[in-house]
Each structure stands twice: as structure tokens, then as C-alpha cells.
Protein backbone atom coordinates (compact mmCIF):
# COMPACT_ATOMS: atom_id res chain seq x y z
CA MET A 1 90.95 103.63 71.60
CA ALA A 2 91.40 100.09 70.33
CA LEU A 3 91.62 97.10 72.65
CA ALA A 4 95.33 96.68 71.91
CA ASP A 5 95.93 100.32 72.82
CA ASN A 6 94.01 99.89 76.08
CA ILE A 7 96.10 96.85 76.95
CA VAL A 8 99.33 98.76 76.26
CA VAL A 9 98.18 101.67 78.44
CA LEU A 10 97.19 99.24 81.23
CA LEU A 11 100.54 97.42 81.10
CA VAL A 12 102.62 100.59 80.98
CA SER A 13 100.58 102.03 83.84
CA LEU A 14 101.10 98.83 85.85
CA PHE A 15 104.84 98.98 85.22
CA ILE A 16 104.87 102.63 86.36
CA GLY A 17 103.04 101.59 89.55
CA GLY A 18 105.62 98.83 89.94
CA ILE A 19 108.45 101.35 89.62
CA GLY A 20 106.93 103.44 92.39
CA ILE A 21 106.50 100.52 94.75
CA TYR A 22 109.96 99.20 93.83
CA VAL A 23 111.58 102.52 94.77
CA GLY A 24 109.64 102.70 98.04
CA ALA A 25 110.41 99.09 98.95
CA ALA A 26 114.08 99.46 97.98
CA LEU A 27 114.47 102.47 100.25
CA LEU A 28 112.42 101.27 103.21
CA ALA A 29 112.28 97.46 103.09
CA GLN A 30 115.60 96.63 101.42
CA SER A 31 113.74 94.80 98.65
CA ARG A 32 115.27 94.83 95.18
CA ASN A 33 112.74 92.72 93.27
CA TYR A 34 110.92 94.67 90.54
CA GLY A 35 108.69 91.72 89.63
CA HIS A 36 107.50 91.52 93.23
CA ALA A 37 106.72 95.25 93.09
CA VAL A 38 104.69 94.90 89.87
CA VAL A 39 102.65 92.05 91.35
CA THR A 40 102.14 94.12 94.51
CA ALA A 41 100.94 97.04 92.37
CA GLY A 42 98.47 94.77 90.59
CA ILE A 43 97.13 93.26 93.81
CA GLY A 44 96.96 96.72 95.38
CA ALA A 45 94.99 98.05 92.42
CA VAL A 46 92.48 95.21 92.63
CA VAL A 47 92.09 95.59 96.41
CA TRP A 48 91.72 99.38 96.03
CA ALA A 49 89.01 98.91 93.38
CA VAL A 50 87.07 96.21 95.25
CA VAL A 51 87.19 97.79 98.71
CA GLY A 52 86.59 101.23 97.25
CA SER A 53 83.49 100.03 95.43
CA LEU A 54 82.17 98.45 98.64
CA VAL A 55 82.82 101.23 101.16
CA GLY A 56 84.35 104.13 99.22
CA GLY A 57 81.11 106.11 99.23
CA VAL A 58 80.87 106.23 103.03
CA PRO A 59 82.06 109.71 104.06
CA LEU A 60 85.44 109.73 105.83
CA LEU A 61 85.32 106.06 106.76
CA GLY A 62 85.15 104.70 103.20
CA PRO A 63 88.35 106.29 101.89
CA LEU A 64 90.15 105.46 105.15
CA VAL A 65 89.17 101.77 105.01
CA THR A 66 90.13 101.65 101.32
CA PHE A 67 93.55 103.15 102.03
CA LEU A 68 94.10 100.80 104.99
CA ALA A 69 93.27 97.84 102.74
CA TYR A 70 95.86 99.08 100.24
CA LEU A 71 98.45 99.46 103.03
CA LEU A 72 97.60 95.96 104.22
CA VAL A 73 98.60 94.63 100.79
CA ILE A 74 101.99 96.36 101.02
CA LYS A 75 102.43 95.25 104.65
CA TRP A 76 101.61 91.65 103.69
CA ARG A 77 103.73 91.57 100.52
CA TYR A 78 106.82 93.07 102.16
CA GLY A 79 106.47 91.74 105.69
CA THR A 80 106.70 95.20 107.22
CA GLY A 81 104.85 97.13 109.89
CA TRP A 82 102.14 99.68 109.26
CA LEU A 83 104.48 102.69 109.36
CA THR A 84 106.93 101.17 106.88
CA ALA A 85 104.04 100.17 104.61
CA GLY A 86 102.82 103.77 104.76
CA GLY A 87 106.31 105.00 103.95
CA ILE A 88 106.55 102.64 100.98
CA ALA A 89 103.17 103.90 99.75
CA LEU A 90 104.26 107.54 100.12
CA VAL A 91 107.57 107.02 98.32
CA ALA A 92 105.76 104.98 95.64
CA TRP A 93 103.30 107.81 95.10
CA ILE A 94 106.10 110.39 94.74
CA ALA A 95 108.19 108.12 92.46
CA ALA A 96 105.19 107.41 90.22
CA LEU A 97 104.46 111.14 89.95
CA VAL A 98 108.06 111.76 88.87
CA VAL A 99 107.90 109.03 86.21
CA LEU A 100 104.55 110.33 84.96
CA ALA A 101 105.90 113.90 84.82
CA LEU A 102 108.85 112.68 82.75
CA LEU A 103 106.52 110.80 80.40
CA ALA A 104 104.32 113.89 80.08
CA ASP A 105 107.40 115.94 79.15
CA LEU A 106 108.09 113.39 76.41
CA GLY A 107 104.53 113.77 75.12
CA TYR A 108 102.96 110.70 76.73
CA ALA A 109 100.23 112.18 78.90
CA GLU A 110 97.71 109.32 78.81
CA PHE A 111 99.42 107.03 81.29
CA SER A 112 98.63 106.66 84.98
CA ALA A 113 100.10 104.42 87.65
CA VAL A 114 98.13 101.26 88.33
CA GLY A 115 98.59 100.19 91.92
CA ILE A 116 99.35 103.68 93.23
CA PRO A 117 96.23 105.41 94.57
CA ASN A 118 95.23 108.69 92.94
CA VAL A 119 98.11 108.81 90.48
């Protein structure tokens, strides 16, 4: 895949992650700012990658610390508590899966959701 294609896939994937976080934040934090959600997805992806590379290999504790770091980003960006941040993450994960399923039905199966863990 060419560099331009990789950039397009990255950007579309980031926007999908932003959609997921936007839906979660709109439902649980009364936030209606898609740009804020995209930035949150980008920051969350970087934090997930960095923390995951540092502690992700530690059984049980590594994935837990990585997920807590991701939730901390959502908590910080939306000024919520831990439970609301977890709810935003859960809704974001479900919303991103729905968007990805729709894209797959349209024949676009190579996208993921940057900023949404394991999607």
C-alpha cells in the first residue's frame, strides 16, 4: 500500500474513532463537539500505544493499566468521573463497531477505529 493510501486509512480510521467517542460523549457527557472527539481519539490512541508498549506484556496488570490510562484520557478530556468515562468508552466501542460493520457491508473492510481499543 502506498504512503498516500496509508494516510487515507489512518485518517478515516481516526474519524471513525472520533465518531465512536462523539456518540458516547453526546449520550453520557452532553458534549456535541466532533472535533473534540477526534482529538480525544488521537490522544487516546497514542496513550494506548505508549502505555501498552511499556506495560502491556505484564499479565493481567499490563492490559488493566493500559485501559485505565485510556480511560484517564477520556476522563480528562470530558471532565467526567471514572464510571462516565468507562461508559463513554463502551458506547464508543459499540458505535465504532456499527460504523465499521456498515463500511464492511459497502466493501470497505480495511478500516479500523483509531482511538477505540481493539476495534
